[in-house]
C-alpha atoms as a PDB file:
ATOM      1  CA  MET A   1      33.327 -26.019 -38.873  1.00  0.00           C
ATOM      2  CA  ASN A   2      36.962 -23.995 -38.436  1.00  0.00           C
ATOM      3  CA  ARG A   3      34.688 -20.717 -38.015  1.00  0.00           C
ATOM      4  CA  TRP A   4      33.173 -21.473 -35.363  1.00  0.00           C
ATOM      5  CA  ARG A   5      36.084 -22.829 -33.237  1.00  0.00           C
ATOM      6  CA  THR A   6      37.293 -18.924 -33.974  1.00  0.00           C
ATOM      7  CA  GLN A   7      35.013 -17.031 -33.064  1.00  0.00           C
ATOM      8  CA  ARG A   8      34.625 -15.853 -29.150  1.00  0.00           C
ATOM      9  CA  GLY A   9      31.753 -15.733 -27.790  1.00  0.00           C
ATOM     10  CA  ASP A  10      31.119 -12.715 -25.914  1.00  0.00           C
ATOM     11  CA  VAL A  11      27.759 -11.362 -24.756  1.00  0.00           C
ATOM     12  CA  PRO A  12      26.640  -7.704 -26.363  1.00  0.00           C
ATOM     13  CA  ILE A  13      26.759  -5.046 -22.742  1.00  0.00           C
ATOM     14  CA  GLY A  14      23.959  -4.082 -23.810  1.00  0.00           C
ATOM     15  CA  CYS A  15      22.425  -7.516 -23.170  1.00  0.00           C
ATOM     16  CA  LEU A  16      23.592  -7.521 -19.895  1.00  0.00           C
ATOM     17  CA  ILE A  17      22.466  -3.772 -18.660  1.00  0.00           C
ATOM     18  CA  GLY A  18      19.142  -5.035 -20.530  1.00  0.00           C
ATOM     19  CA  PHE A  19      19.064  -7.852 -17.921  1.00  0.00           C
ATOM     20  CA  VAL A  20      20.344  -6.166 -14.717  1.00  0.00           C
ATOM     21  CA  ILE A  21      17.484  -3.770 -14.913  1.00  0.00           C
ATOM     22  CA  ALA A  22      15.414  -6.954 -15.209  1.00  0.00           C
ATOM     23  CA  VAL A  23      16.267  -7.943 -12.651  1.00  0.00           C
ATOM     24  CA  VAL A  24      16.738  -5.011 -10.156  1.00  0.00           C
ATOM     25  CA  VAL A  25      12.979  -4.133 -11.322  1.00  0.00           C
ATOM     26  CA  GLY A  26      12.069  -8.093 -10.519  1.00  0.00           C
ATOM     27  CA  LEU A  27      13.364  -7.245  -7.533  1.00  0.00           C
ATOM     28  CA  ILE A  28      11.147  -4.018  -6.634  1.00  0.00           C
ATOM     29  CA  ALA A  29       7.863  -6.253  -7.690  1.00  0.00           C
ATOM     30  CA  ILE A  30       8.496  -8.917  -5.385  1.00  0.00           C
ATOM     31  CA  LYS A  31       8.472  -6.268  -2.084  1.00  0.00           C
ATOM     32  CA  ALA A  32       6.154  -3.683  -3.494  1.00  0.00           C
ATOM     33  CA  ILE A  33       3.299  -5.724  -4.551  1.00  0.00           C
ATOM     34  CA  PRO A  34       2.422  -7.472  -2.299  1.00  0.00           C
ATOM     35  CA  VAL A  35       2.784  -3.480   0.133  1.00  0.00           C
ATOM     36  CA  VAL A  36       0.622  -2.152  -2.791  1.00  0.00           C
ATOM     37  CA  THR A  37      -1.962  -3.926  -2.793  1.00  0.00           C
ATOM     38  CA  SER A  38      -2.843  -4.398   1.550  1.00  0.00           C
ATOM     39  CA  VAL A  39      -2.825  -0.692   0.954  1.00  0.00           C
ATOM     40  CA  GLY A  40      -5.417  -0.837  -1.744  1.00  0.00           C
ATOM     41  CA  GLU A  41      -7.236  -3.079   0.893  1.00  0.00           C
ATOM     42  CA  PHE A  42      -7.267  -1.105   3.315  1.00  0.00           C
ATOM     43  CA  ASP A  43      -8.613   1.580   1.147  1.00  0.00           C
ATOM     44  CA  LYS A  44     -11.577  -0.245   0.380  1.00  0.00           C
ATOM     45  CA  GLU A  45     -12.406  -0.828   4.418  1.00  0.00           C
ATOM     46  CA  VAL A  46     -12.065   2.947   5.006  1.00  0.00           C
ATOM     47  CA  LYS A  47     -14.331   3.694   2.444  1.00  0.00           C
ATOM     48  CA  ALA A  48     -16.871   0.850   3.252  1.00  0.00           C
ATOM     49  CA  GLN A  49     -16.956   1.996   7.303  1.00  0.00           C
ATOM     50  CA  THR A  50     -17.888   5.895   6.238  1.00  0.00           C
ATOM     51  CA  GLU A  51     -20.494   4.489   3.978  1.00  0.00           C
ATOM     52  CA  ARG A  52     -22.166   2.604   7.116  1.00  0.00           C
ATOM     53  CA  ALA A  53     -21.804   5.552   8.929  1.00  0.00           C
ATOM     54  CA  SER A  54     -25.050   6.284   8.665  1.00  0.00           C
ATOM     55  CA  LEU A  55     -26.245   2.876  10.530  1.00  0.00           C
ATOM     56  CA  PRO A  56     -26.990   2.995  13.918  1.00  0.00           C
ATOM     57  CA  ALA A  57     -24.122   1.199  15.747  1.00  0.00           C
ATOM     58  CA  HIS A  58     -22.088   2.512  13.935  1.00  0.00           C
ATOM     59  CA  ASP A  59     -20.141   5.386  15.768  1.00  0.00           C
ATOM     60  CA  ASP A  60     -16.860   6.481  15.714  1.00  0.00           C
ATOM     61  CA  LYS A  61     -15.603   4.283  18.791  1.00  0.00           C
ATOM     62  CA  TYR A  62     -16.914   1.046  16.155  1.00  0.00           C
ATOM     63  CA  ILE A  63     -15.775   2.623  13.050  1.00  0.00           C
ATOM     64  CA  ARG A  64     -12.227   3.106  15.330  1.00  0.00           C
ATOM     65  CA  LYS A  65     -12.525  -0.366  16.214  1.00  0.00           C
ATOM     66  CA  HIS A  66     -13.014  -2.257  13.179  1.00  0.00           C
ATOM     67  CA  LEU A  67     -10.587   0.307  11.264  1.00  0.00           C
ATOM     68  CA  LEU A  68      -7.758  -1.060  13.458  1.00  0.00           C
ATOM     69  CA  LEU A  69      -8.928  -4.551  13.495  1.00  0.00           C
ATOM     70  CA  ALA A  70      -8.403  -3.978   9.823  1.00  0.00           C
ATOM     71  CA  ALA A  71      -5.231  -2.242   9.306  1.00  0.00           C
ATOM     72  CA  ASP A  72      -3.983  -5.337  11.474  1.00  0.00           C
ATOM     73  CA  GLN A  73      -5.196  -7.861   9.227  1.00  0.00           C
ATOM     74  CA  TYR A  74      -3.469  -6.266   6.202  1.00  0.00           C
ATOM     75  CA  ASP A  75      -0.019  -5.419   8.307  1.00  0.00           C
ATOM     76  CA  ILE A  76      -0.364  -1.575   7.790  1.00  0.00           C
ATOM     77  CA  PRO A  77       0.718  -0.017  11.051  1.00  0.00           C
ATOM     78  CA  ILE A  78      -1.224   2.591  13.206  1.00  0.00           C
ATOM     79  CA  ASN A  79      -2.626   3.098  16.095  1.00  0.00           C
ATOM     80  CA  ALA A  80      -5.854   5.293  17.806  1.00  0.00           C
ATOM     81  CA  LYS A  81      -4.571   8.628  16.750  1.00  0.00           C
ATOM     82  CA  SER A  82      -3.862   7.896  13.641  1.00  0.00           C
ATOM     83  CA  ILE A  83      -7.255   7.760  12.784  1.00  0.00           C
ATOM     84  CA  TRP A  84      -9.272  11.215  12.785  1.00  0.00           C
ATOM     85  CA  ILE A  85     -12.932  11.390  12.623  1.00  0.00           C
ATOM     86  CA  LYS A  86     -15.055  14.374  11.756  1.00  0.00           C
ATOM     87  CA  ARG A  87     -19.401  13.835  12.595  1.00  0.00           C
ATOM     88  CA  THR A  88     -21.414  16.440  11.769  1.00  0.00           C
ATOM     89  CA  ALA A  89     -25.345  16.594  11.221  1.00  0.00           C
ATOM     90  CA  ALA A  90     -24.778  15.989   7.230  1.00  0.00           C
ATOM     91  CA  ARG A  91     -21.554  14.263   7.205  1.00  0.00           C
ATOM     92  CA  ILE A  92     -18.360  11.794   8.141  1.00  0.00           C
ATOM     93  CA  LYS A  93     -15.412  12.806   7.554  1.00  0.00           C
ATOM     94  CA  VAL A  94     -12.322  10.072   8.100  1.00  0.00           C
ATOM     95  CA  ARG A  95      -8.878  10.809   7.556  1.00  0.00           C
ATOM     96  CA  VAL A  96      -6.047   7.850   7.958  1.00  0.00           C
ATOM     97  CA  THR A  97      -2.821   8.629   7.927  1.00  0.00           C
ATOM     98  CA  TYR A  98       1.045   6.937   8.942  1.00  0.00           C
ATOM     99  CA  ASP A  99       4.017   6.380   7.434  1.00  0.00           C
ATOM    100  CA  LEU A 100       4.942   2.331   6.681  1.00  0.00           C
ATOM    101  CA  PRO A 101       8.440   1.446   5.465  1.00  0.00           C
ATOM    102  CA  ILE A 102       9.155  -1.139   2.473  1.00  0.00           C
ATOM    103  CA  GLU A 103      12.445  -2.119   2.959  1.00  0.00           C
ATOM    104  CA  PHE A 104      14.792  -3.036  -0.409  1.00  0.00           C
ATOM    105  CA  PRO A 105      18.012  -4.481  -0.043  1.00  0.00           C
ATOM    106  CA  GLY A 106      20.390  -2.098   1.334  1.00  0.00           C
ATOM    107  CA  TYR A 107      17.526   0.449   1.652  1.00  0.00           C
ATOM    108  CA  THR A 108      14.507   0.893   3.560  1.00  0.00           C
ATOM    109  CA  TYR A 109      11.559   3.155   1.478  1.00  0.00           C
ATOM    110  CA  ILE A 110       9.162   5.010   4.066  1.00  0.00           C
ATOM    111  CA  TRP A 111       5.381   5.621   1.847  1.00  0.00           C
ATOM    112  CA  HIS A 112       3.717   8.552   3.841  1.00  0.00           C
ATOM    113  CA  LYS A 113      -0.360   7.312   2.974  1.00  0.00           C
ATOM    114  CA  GLU A 114      -3.565   8.833   3.910  1.00  0.00           C
ATOM    115  CA  HIS A 115      -6.887   7.779   2.931  1.00  0.00           C
ATOM    116  CA  SER A 116      -9.530  10.494   3.405  1.00  0.00           C
ATOM    117  CA  GLU A 117     -13.150  10.189   2.491  1.00  0.00           C
ATOM    118  CA  ASP A 118     -15.743  12.441   2.700  1.00  0.00           C
ATOM    119  CA  ARG A 119     -19.262  11.239   2.629  1.00  0.00           C
ATOM    120  CA  PRO A 120     -22.708  11.706   3.591  1.00  0.00           C
ATOM    121  CA  LEU A 121     -24.674  10.913   6.880  1.00  0.00           C
ATOM    122  CA  PHE A 122     -28.487   9.662   5.206  1.00  0.00           C
END
């Protein structure tokens, strides 16, 4: 019993450093994961609109409108000038570029993102 009373209860420094790193990674994940999933869903929408471009009602104005609605739904900060659409007789190219701020405690990371699709028209 005397042996337990004389121990100091020190925590190894490696354990504390590992805990601090785990907390920092957790805070980054809490802020970044929702943004990354929104960007992924918007990328799927860009692909879907580009694939449907050969349908009769899907002109450039229609595609731009639906991409703006999807961006608003996923909280992606774009405007009509951020969407570039080039249509030829055989192909359509769509490019969407924007800067997405991710705010961390004490730091704001600006993520420059570009979605680019090139599809044949049937």
